[in-house]
């Protein structure tokens, strides 16, 4: 087995465990969060050809966030929001050893503007929450699988958000 295959297999087997551990430790960063923006990265062409669009995913995610009690910020509003929080969604193809096999790594992260405690004027965007979304081994992009993985990650974000922000 090639090193690449072993690494991808390891990620596939351990990613959910690592993702949940990271989420559990970082859910406190969601406390007091009342608003967020959504940024869906450009999708691979083959995924868009299969019927998944950035606009459609953005609308679906924003709708779920509103139902969960979060205010969804527009692009123009995010600059005036404390921490400028945004959910970042990405679908990245990872071509395997076989020409017939492509892995799609699906990621959902919350990015926020943070300050260094040792140097408060220093601010930068950092990932403060990361959703569990293991890579999917697909011979072709399957819309249902990609959409399901993203939906599961958004659901995890909402669960973590509600856990530290009870009504």
N, C-alpha and C. Protein backbone atom coordinates (compact mmCIF):
# COMPACT_ATOMS: atom_id res chain seq x y z
N UNK A 1 0.85 -1.20 0.00
CA UNK A 1 0.00 0.00 0.00
C UNK A 1 0.88 1.24 0.00
N UNK A 2 0.44 2.21 -0.74
CA UNK A 2 1.22 3.44 -0.79
C UNK A 2 0.99 4.25 0.49
N UNK A 3 1.89 5.15 0.76
CA UNK A 3 1.80 6.00 1.95
C UNK A 3 0.53 6.85 1.90
N UNK A 4 0.18 7.35 0.72
CA UNK A 4 -1.02 8.19 0.56
C UNK A 4 -2.27 7.41 0.95
N UNK A 5 -2.36 6.15 0.51
CA UNK A 5 -3.53 5.32 0.83
C UNK A 5 -3.59 5.07 2.33
N UNK A 6 -2.45 4.80 2.95
CA UNK A 6 -2.43 4.57 4.40
C UNK A 6 -2.85 5.82 5.18
N UNK A 7 -2.40 6.98 4.74
CA UNK A 7 -2.78 8.23 5.41
C UNK A 7 -4.28 8.46 5.27
N UNK A 8 -4.81 8.29 4.07
CA UNK A 8 -6.25 8.49 3.85
C UNK A 8 -7.08 7.47 4.63
N UNK A 9 -6.62 6.22 4.69
CA UNK A 9 -7.32 5.21 5.47
C UNK A 9 -7.32 5.59 6.94
N UNK A 10 -6.17 6.05 7.44
CA UNK A 10 -6.09 6.49 8.83
C UNK A 10 -7.03 7.65 9.11
N UNK A 11 -7.09 8.62 8.21
CA UNK A 11 -8.01 9.74 8.39
C UNK A 11 -9.46 9.26 8.39
N UNK A 12 -9.78 8.34 7.50
CA UNK A 12 -11.15 7.83 7.42
C UNK A 12 -11.55 7.14 8.71
N UNK A 13 -10.64 6.37 9.28
CA UNK A 13 -10.97 5.63 10.50
C UNK A 13 -10.97 6.50 11.75
N UNK A 14 -10.05 7.46 11.85
CA UNK A 14 -9.90 8.24 13.07
C UNK A 14 -10.52 9.61 13.04
N UNK A 15 -10.85 10.14 11.86
CA UNK A 15 -11.38 11.50 11.74
C UNK A 15 -12.59 11.75 12.64
N UNK A 16 -13.60 10.84 12.67
CA UNK A 16 -14.76 11.13 13.53
C UNK A 16 -14.38 11.27 15.00
N UNK A 17 -13.45 10.45 15.46
CA UNK A 17 -13.05 10.51 16.87
C UNK A 17 -12.31 11.81 17.14
N UNK A 18 -11.38 12.17 16.27
CA UNK A 18 -10.63 13.41 16.43
C UNK A 18 -11.57 14.60 16.34
N UNK A 19 -12.48 14.57 15.37
CA UNK A 19 -13.44 15.67 15.18
C UNK A 19 -14.30 15.88 16.41
N UNK A 20 -14.82 14.78 17.00
CA UNK A 20 -15.67 14.93 18.17
C UNK A 20 -14.87 15.43 19.37
N UNK A 21 -13.62 14.99 19.52
CA UNK A 21 -12.81 15.47 20.63
C UNK A 21 -12.55 16.97 20.48
N UNK A 22 -12.22 17.39 19.28
CA UNK A 22 -11.97 18.81 19.04
C UNK A 22 -13.23 19.61 19.34
N UNK A 23 -14.38 19.13 18.85
CA UNK A 23 -15.65 19.82 19.06
C UNK A 23 -15.96 19.94 20.54
N UNK A 24 -15.79 18.86 21.29
CA UNK A 24 -16.11 18.88 22.71
C UNK A 24 -15.26 19.89 23.46
N UNK A 25 -13.99 19.98 23.14
CA UNK A 25 -13.09 20.91 23.80
C UNK A 25 -13.36 22.35 23.40
N UNK A 26 -13.80 22.57 22.19
CA UNK A 26 -13.92 23.92 21.65
C UNK A 26 -15.33 24.49 21.68
N UNK A 27 -16.31 23.73 22.17
CA UNK A 27 -17.67 24.26 22.12
C UNK A 27 -17.84 25.51 22.97
N UNK A 28 -16.99 25.71 23.96
CA UNK A 28 -17.07 26.95 24.76
C UNK A 28 -16.86 28.19 23.91
N UNK A 29 -16.18 28.05 22.78
CA UNK A 29 -15.97 29.21 21.91
C UNK A 29 -17.27 29.65 21.25
N UNK A 30 -18.32 28.85 21.40
CA UNK A 30 -19.63 29.19 20.84
C UNK A 30 -20.51 29.92 21.85
N UNK A 31 -20.08 29.96 23.11
CA UNK A 31 -20.87 30.62 24.15
C UNK A 31 -21.02 32.11 23.83
N UNK A 32 -22.26 32.59 23.86
CA UNK A 32 -22.53 34.00 23.61
C UNK A 32 -22.59 34.37 22.13
N UNK A 33 -22.34 33.40 21.27
CA UNK A 33 -22.42 33.64 19.84
C UNK A 33 -23.89 33.84 19.48
N UNK A 34 -24.21 34.96 18.86
CA UNK A 34 -25.60 35.22 18.51
C UNK A 34 -25.82 35.39 17.03
N UNK A 35 -24.71 35.54 16.31
CA UNK A 35 -24.82 35.77 14.87
C UNK A 35 -23.60 35.20 14.17
N UNK A 36 -23.81 34.83 12.91
CA UNK A 36 -22.76 34.19 12.14
C UNK A 36 -23.07 34.37 10.65
N UNK A 37 -22.03 34.37 9.85
CA UNK A 37 -22.17 34.40 8.41
C UNK A 37 -21.80 33.02 7.87
N UNK A 38 -22.15 32.76 6.63
CA UNK A 38 -21.83 31.47 6.01
C UNK A 38 -21.04 31.71 4.73
N UNK A 39 -19.93 31.01 4.59
CA UNK A 39 -19.12 31.09 3.38
C UNK A 39 -18.91 29.67 2.86
N UNK A 40 -19.50 29.37 1.72
CA UNK A 40 -19.29 28.09 1.06
C UNK A 40 -18.22 28.30 0.00
N UNK A 41 -17.13 27.58 0.14
CA UNK A 41 -16.02 27.67 -0.81
C UNK A 41 -16.48 27.19 -2.19
N UNK A 42 -15.78 27.64 -3.23
CA UNK A 42 -16.08 27.17 -4.58
C UNK A 42 -16.05 25.65 -4.60
N UNK A 43 -17.03 25.06 -5.25
CA UNK A 43 -17.14 23.61 -5.31
C UNK A 43 -16.41 23.08 -6.56
N UNK A 44 -15.91 21.85 -6.47
CA UNK A 44 -15.30 21.26 -7.67
C UNK A 44 -16.33 21.19 -8.80
N UNK A 45 -15.87 21.36 -10.03
CA UNK A 45 -16.76 21.36 -11.18
C UNK A 45 -17.63 20.12 -11.27
N UNK A 46 -17.04 18.93 -11.00
CA UNK A 46 -17.82 17.70 -11.11
C UNK A 46 -18.93 17.65 -10.07
N UNK A 47 -18.72 18.24 -8.91
CA UNK A 47 -19.76 18.27 -7.88
C UNK A 47 -20.90 19.20 -8.32
N UNK A 48 -20.55 20.35 -8.87
CA UNK A 48 -21.59 21.27 -9.37
C UNK A 48 -22.37 20.65 -10.52
N UNK A 49 -21.69 19.91 -11.40
CA UNK A 49 -22.38 19.24 -12.51
C UNK A 49 -23.40 18.23 -12.00
N UNK A 50 -23.13 17.67 -10.82
CA UNK A 50 -24.05 16.69 -10.23
C UNK A 50 -25.23 17.35 -9.54
N UNK A 51 -25.23 18.69 -9.45
CA UNK A 51 -26.40 19.38 -8.93
C UNK A 51 -26.26 20.05 -7.58
N UNK A 52 -25.05 20.17 -7.06
CA UNK A 52 -24.84 20.88 -5.80
C UNK A 52 -24.28 22.25 -6.14
N UNK A 53 -24.94 23.32 -5.70
CA UNK A 53 -24.43 24.66 -5.96
C UNK A 53 -24.11 25.36 -4.65
N UNK A 54 -23.18 26.30 -4.72
CA UNK A 54 -22.80 27.09 -3.53
C UNK A 54 -24.00 27.83 -2.99
N UNK A 55 -24.77 28.45 -3.87
CA UNK A 55 -25.92 29.25 -3.44
C UNK A 55 -26.95 28.39 -2.72
N UNK A 56 -27.21 27.22 -3.27
CA UNK A 56 -28.18 26.30 -2.67
C UNK A 56 -27.71 25.84 -1.28
N UNK A 57 -26.45 25.45 -1.18
CA UNK A 57 -25.90 25.03 0.12
C UNK A 57 -25.96 26.17 1.13
N UNK A 58 -25.59 27.36 0.68
CA UNK A 58 -25.61 28.53 1.57
C UNK A 58 -27.01 28.77 2.11
N UNK A 59 -28.01 28.75 1.24
CA UNK A 59 -29.40 28.97 1.67
C UNK A 59 -29.85 27.91 2.68
N UNK A 60 -29.52 26.65 2.40
CA UNK A 60 -29.92 25.56 3.31
C UNK A 60 -29.28 25.71 4.68
N UNK A 61 -27.98 26.00 4.70
CA UNK A 61 -27.27 26.15 5.97
C UNK A 61 -27.80 27.36 6.73
N UNK A 62 -27.99 28.48 6.04
CA UNK A 62 -28.51 29.68 6.70
C UNK A 62 -29.89 29.43 7.29
N UNK A 63 -30.73 28.70 6.58
CA UNK A 63 -32.07 28.38 7.10
C UNK A 63 -32.00 27.56 8.38
N UNK A 64 -31.11 26.58 8.43
CA UNK A 64 -30.96 25.76 9.64
C UNK A 64 -30.42 26.59 10.80
N UNK A 65 -29.49 27.49 10.52
CA UNK A 65 -28.94 28.34 11.58
C UNK A 65 -30.02 29.27 12.14
N UNK A 66 -30.85 29.82 11.28
CA UNK A 66 -31.96 30.68 11.75
C UNK A 66 -32.91 29.89 12.62
N UNK A 67 -33.25 28.67 12.21
CA UNK A 67 -34.14 27.83 13.01
C UNK A 67 -33.54 27.53 14.38
N UNK A 68 -32.21 27.48 14.44
CA UNK A 68 -31.52 27.20 15.71
C UNK A 68 -31.40 28.43 16.59
N UNK A 69 -31.85 29.60 16.08
CA UNK A 69 -31.83 30.82 16.88
C UNK A 69 -30.68 31.76 16.61
N UNK A 70 -29.89 31.48 15.61
CA UNK A 70 -28.78 32.37 15.26
C UNK A 70 -29.22 33.37 14.20
N UNK A 71 -28.74 34.58 14.33
CA UNK A 71 -28.96 35.58 13.30
C UNK A 71 -27.89 35.35 12.23
N UNK A 72 -28.30 35.32 10.98
CA UNK A 72 -27.36 35.11 9.88
C UNK A 72 -26.98 36.47 9.30
N UNK A 73 -25.69 36.72 9.30
CA UNK A 73 -25.16 38.00 8.82
C UNK A 73 -24.93 38.00 7.32
N UNK A 74 -25.15 39.15 6.71
CA UNK A 74 -24.79 39.33 5.31
C UNK A 74 -23.31 39.67 5.24
N UNK A 75 -22.77 39.66 4.04
CA UNK A 75 -21.36 39.99 3.85
C UNK A 75 -21.06 41.40 4.35
N UNK A 76 -21.97 42.32 4.11
CA UNK A 76 -21.73 43.70 4.55
C UNK A 76 -21.86 43.86 6.06
N UNK A 77 -22.61 43.00 6.72
CA UNK A 77 -22.79 43.10 8.18
C UNK A 77 -21.67 42.46 8.98
N UNK A 78 -20.98 41.52 8.40
CA UNK A 78 -20.00 40.74 9.18
C UNK A 78 -18.86 41.61 9.72
N UNK A 79 -18.46 42.63 9.00
CA UNK A 79 -17.35 43.49 9.45
C UNK A 79 -17.69 44.23 10.74
N UNK A 80 -18.97 44.46 11.00
CA UNK A 80 -19.37 45.17 12.22
C UNK A 80 -19.77 44.25 13.36
N UNK A 81 -19.62 42.96 13.18
CA UNK A 81 -19.98 41.99 14.20
C UNK A 81 -18.75 41.65 15.05
N UNK A 82 -18.91 41.61 16.38
CA UNK A 82 -17.76 41.25 17.23
C UNK A 82 -17.22 39.87 16.85
N UNK A 83 -15.95 39.82 16.51
CA UNK A 83 -15.32 38.56 16.15
C UNK A 83 -15.53 38.16 14.71
N UNK A 84 -16.42 38.85 13.99
CA UNK A 84 -16.71 38.56 12.58
C UNK A 84 -16.82 37.05 12.32
N UNK A 85 -17.68 36.34 13.07
CA UNK A 85 -17.73 34.87 12.94
C UNK A 85 -18.37 34.42 11.64
N UNK A 86 -17.78 33.38 11.05
CA UNK A 86 -18.39 32.80 9.86
C UNK A 86 -18.13 31.30 9.81
N UNK A 87 -19.15 30.58 9.34
CA UNK A 87 -19.01 29.16 9.09
C UNK A 87 -18.42 28.99 7.70
N UNK A 88 -17.37 28.23 7.62
CA UNK A 88 -16.68 28.01 6.36
C UNK A 88 -16.90 26.56 5.94
N UNK A 89 -17.46 26.38 4.75
CA UNK A 89 -17.77 25.05 4.22
C UNK A 89 -16.89 24.81 3.00
N UNK A 90 -16.22 23.67 2.97
CA UNK A 90 -15.36 23.35 1.84
C UNK A 90 -15.51 21.89 1.44
N UNK A 91 -15.49 21.64 0.13
CA UNK A 91 -15.50 20.29 -0.42
C UNK A 91 -14.27 20.21 -1.32
N UNK A 92 -13.32 19.37 -0.93
CA UNK A 92 -12.06 19.28 -1.66
C UNK A 92 -11.88 17.88 -2.24
N UNK A 93 -11.64 17.77 -3.54
CA UNK A 93 -11.34 16.45 -4.11
C UNK A 93 -9.91 16.05 -3.77
N UNK A 94 -9.73 14.80 -3.48
CA UNK A 94 -8.40 14.25 -3.21
C UNK A 94 -8.26 13.01 -4.08
N UNK A 95 -7.59 13.12 -5.22
CA UNK A 95 -7.49 12.03 -6.17
C UNK A 95 -6.61 10.93 -5.60
N UNK A 96 -7.09 9.71 -5.68
CA UNK A 96 -6.37 8.56 -5.17
C UNK A 96 -5.45 7.94 -6.21
N UNK A 97 -4.89 6.80 -5.87
CA UNK A 97 -3.97 6.10 -6.77
C UNK A 97 -4.69 5.62 -8.03
N UNK A 98 -5.96 5.27 -7.90
CA UNK A 98 -6.75 4.81 -9.04
C UNK A 98 -7.40 6.00 -9.72
N UNK A 99 -7.39 6.01 -11.04
CA UNK A 99 -8.00 7.11 -11.79
C UNK A 99 -9.51 7.13 -11.63
N UNK A 100 -10.09 6.00 -11.20
CA UNK A 100 -11.54 5.89 -11.06
C UNK A 100 -12.02 6.29 -9.67
N UNK A 101 -11.13 6.66 -8.80
CA UNK A 101 -11.51 6.91 -7.42
C UNK A 101 -11.11 8.32 -6.99
N UNK A 102 -12.07 9.05 -6.46
CA UNK A 102 -11.79 10.36 -5.91
C UNK A 102 -12.39 10.42 -4.52
N UNK A 103 -11.64 10.94 -3.60
CA UNK A 103 -12.12 11.14 -2.25
C UNK A 103 -12.52 12.60 -2.11
N UNK A 104 -13.62 12.85 -1.46
CA UNK A 104 -14.04 14.23 -1.22
C UNK A 104 -13.96 14.49 0.28
N UNK A 105 -13.05 15.37 0.65
CA UNK A 105 -12.95 15.79 2.04
C UNK A 105 -13.90 16.96 2.23
N UNK A 106 -14.80 16.81 3.18
CA UNK A 106 -15.82 17.83 3.44
C UNK A 106 -15.53 18.42 4.81
N UNK A 107 -15.36 19.74 4.85
CA UNK A 107 -15.04 20.39 6.11
C UNK A 107 -16.00 21.50 6.44
N UNK A 108 -16.31 21.62 7.72
CA UNK A 108 -17.12 22.73 8.22
C UNK A 108 -16.40 23.27 9.45
N UNK A 109 -16.00 24.53 9.39
CA UNK A 109 -15.29 25.15 10.51
C UNK A 109 -15.91 26.50 10.83
N UNK A 110 -15.81 26.90 12.09
CA UNK A 110 -16.19 28.25 12.48
C UNK A 110 -14.91 29.04 12.61
N UNK A 111 -14.83 30.13 11.88
CA UNK A 111 -13.67 31.03 11.94
C UNK A 111 -14.11 32.29 12.68
N UNK A 112 -13.24 32.77 13.56
CA UNK A 112 -13.52 34.01 14.29
C UNK A 112 -12.24 34.83 14.40
N UNK A 113 -12.41 36.11 14.49
CA UNK A 113 -11.29 37.01 14.70
C UNK A 113 -10.89 36.89 16.17
N UNK A 114 -9.63 36.56 16.41
CA UNK A 114 -9.14 36.37 17.78
C UNK A 114 -7.93 37.26 18.04
N UNK A 115 -7.61 37.44 19.32
CA UNK A 115 -6.45 38.23 19.71
C UNK A 115 -5.48 37.35 20.49
N UNK A 116 -4.20 37.63 20.30
CA UNK A 116 -3.19 36.94 21.10
C UNK A 116 -3.21 37.52 22.51
N UNK A 117 -3.26 36.68 23.51
CA UNK A 117 -3.30 37.18 24.89
C UNK A 117 -2.00 37.89 25.26
N UNK A 118 -0.88 37.46 24.70
CA UNK A 118 0.40 38.10 25.02
C UNK A 118 0.62 39.39 24.25
N UNK A 119 -0.21 39.62 23.19
CA UNK A 119 -0.07 40.82 22.36
C UNK A 119 -1.45 41.18 21.79
N UNK A 120 -2.35 41.74 22.64
CA UNK A 120 -3.73 41.99 22.24
C UNK A 120 -3.94 42.76 20.93
N UNK A 121 -3.06 43.67 20.54
CA UNK A 121 -3.30 44.32 19.24
C UNK A 121 -3.21 43.37 18.04
N UNK A 122 -2.58 42.21 18.25
CA UNK A 122 -2.44 41.24 17.16
C UNK A 122 -3.72 40.43 17.03
N UNK A 123 -4.42 40.64 15.91
CA UNK A 123 -5.67 39.93 15.63
C UNK A 123 -5.53 39.15 14.33
N UNK A 124 -6.20 38.00 14.28
CA UNK A 124 -6.22 37.19 13.07
C UNK A 124 -7.40 36.23 13.15
N UNK A 125 -7.79 35.69 12.00
CA UNK A 125 -8.86 34.71 11.98
C UNK A 125 -8.30 33.34 12.33
N UNK A 126 -9.04 32.63 13.17
CA UNK A 126 -8.63 31.29 13.58
C UNK A 126 -9.84 30.38 13.60
N UNK A 127 -9.59 29.11 13.40
CA UNK A 127 -10.65 28.12 13.53
C UNK A 127 -10.89 27.90 15.01
N UNK A 128 -12.12 28.17 15.46
CA UNK A 128 -12.45 27.99 16.87
C UNK A 128 -13.37 26.81 17.10
N UNK A 129 -13.90 26.25 16.04
CA UNK A 129 -14.74 25.05 16.11
C UNK A 129 -14.61 24.32 14.79
N UNK A 130 -14.57 23.00 14.84
CA UNK A 130 -14.46 22.20 13.63
C UNK A 130 -15.40 21.03 13.72
N UNK A 131 -16.18 20.85 12.67
CA UNK A 131 -17.16 19.76 12.66
C UNK A 131 -16.58 18.46 12.15
N UNK A 132 -17.08 17.38 12.67
CA UNK A 132 -16.62 16.07 12.20
C UNK A 132 -17.21 15.77 10.84
N UNK A 133 -16.40 15.63 9.84
CA UNK A 133 -16.86 15.28 8.50
C UNK A 133 -15.78 14.45 7.83
N UNK A 134 -15.82 13.11 8.05
CA UNK A 134 -14.76 12.26 7.49
C UNK A 134 -14.79 12.27 5.97
N UNK A 135 -13.63 12.02 5.35
CA UNK A 135 -13.60 11.95 3.89
C UNK A 135 -14.54 10.87 3.38
N UNK A 136 -15.07 11.05 2.18
CA UNK A 136 -15.98 10.10 1.56
C UNK A 136 -15.31 9.49 0.34
N UNK A 137 -15.21 8.19 0.31
CA UNK A 137 -14.63 7.52 -0.86
C UNK A 137 -15.73 7.35 -1.89
N UNK A 138 -15.61 8.04 -3.02
CA UNK A 138 -16.62 7.98 -4.05
C UNK A 138 -15.95 7.76 -5.41
N UNK A 139 -16.57 6.92 -6.25
CA UNK A 139 -16.03 6.75 -7.59
C UNK A 139 -16.47 7.91 -8.48
N UNK A 140 -17.52 8.59 -8.07
CA UNK A 140 -18.00 9.80 -8.74
C UNK A 140 -18.68 10.63 -7.67
N UNK A 141 -18.78 11.93 -7.85
CA UNK A 141 -19.44 12.73 -6.81
C UNK A 141 -20.90 12.31 -6.65
N UNK A 142 -21.27 11.99 -5.45
CA UNK A 142 -22.66 11.64 -5.17
C UNK A 142 -23.26 12.76 -4.36
N UNK A 143 -24.19 13.44 -4.98
CA UNK A 143 -24.80 14.61 -4.37
C UNK A 143 -25.37 14.29 -2.99
N UNK A 144 -26.09 13.18 -2.87
CA UNK A 144 -26.72 12.83 -1.60
C UNK A 144 -25.68 12.66 -0.49
N UNK A 145 -24.56 11.98 -0.79
CA UNK A 145 -23.54 11.77 0.22
C UNK A 145 -22.89 13.09 0.64
N UNK A 146 -22.56 13.92 -0.32
CA UNK A 146 -21.93 15.20 -0.01
C UNK A 146 -22.88 16.07 0.81
N UNK A 147 -24.13 16.16 0.38
CA UNK A 147 -25.12 16.96 1.09
C UNK A 147 -25.36 16.42 2.50
N UNK A 148 -25.41 15.10 2.62
CA UNK A 148 -25.62 14.47 3.94
C UNK A 148 -24.47 14.78 4.88
N UNK A 149 -23.24 14.68 4.39
CA UNK A 149 -22.07 14.96 5.24
C UNK A 149 -22.07 16.41 5.72
N UNK A 150 -22.39 17.32 4.82
CA UNK A 150 -22.44 18.74 5.21
C UNK A 150 -23.57 18.96 6.21
N UNK A 151 -24.72 18.36 5.96
CA UNK A 151 -25.87 18.50 6.86
C UNK A 151 -25.55 17.96 8.25
N UNK A 152 -24.87 16.82 8.32
CA UNK A 152 -24.48 16.24 9.61
C UNK A 152 -23.54 17.18 10.37
N UNK A 153 -22.59 17.78 9.66
CA UNK A 153 -21.65 18.70 10.30
C UNK A 153 -22.37 19.95 10.81
N UNK A 154 -23.32 20.49 10.02
CA UNK A 154 -24.10 21.64 10.46
C UNK A 154 -24.93 21.25 11.68
N UNK A 155 -25.51 20.06 11.66
CA UNK A 155 -26.27 19.58 12.82
C UNK A 155 -25.42 19.50 14.07
N UNK A 156 -24.18 19.06 13.94
CA UNK A 156 -23.26 18.99 15.08
C UNK A 156 -22.95 20.39 15.60
N UNK A 157 -22.76 21.33 14.68
CA UNK A 157 -22.52 22.72 15.09
C UNK A 157 -23.71 23.23 15.90
N UNK A 158 -24.91 22.99 15.43
CA UNK A 158 -26.12 23.46 16.12
C UNK A 158 -26.25 22.82 17.49
N UNK A 159 -25.96 21.52 17.58
CA UNK A 159 -26.01 20.83 18.89
C UNK A 159 -25.02 21.46 19.85
N UNK A 160 -23.79 21.68 19.40
CA UNK A 160 -22.78 22.29 20.26
C UNK A 160 -23.15 23.72 20.63
N UNK A 161 -23.67 24.49 19.67
CA UNK A 161 -24.10 25.85 19.93
C UNK A 161 -25.19 25.88 21.01
N UNK A 162 -26.20 25.04 20.84
CA UNK A 162 -27.32 25.02 21.79
C UNK A 162 -26.91 24.49 23.16
N UNK A 163 -25.89 23.63 23.21
CA UNK A 163 -25.42 23.11 24.49
C UNK A 163 -24.85 24.19 25.38
N UNK A 164 -24.19 25.19 24.79
CA UNK A 164 -23.58 26.26 25.58
C UNK A 164 -24.40 27.55 25.57
N UNK A 165 -25.49 27.55 24.83
CA UNK A 165 -26.38 28.71 24.75
C UNK A 165 -27.84 28.26 24.95
N UNK A 166 -28.14 27.70 26.15
CA UNK A 166 -29.50 27.24 26.38
C UNK A 166 -30.48 28.40 26.40
N UNK A 167 -31.69 28.13 25.94
CA UNK A 167 -32.71 29.21 25.90
C UNK A 167 -33.40 29.32 27.23
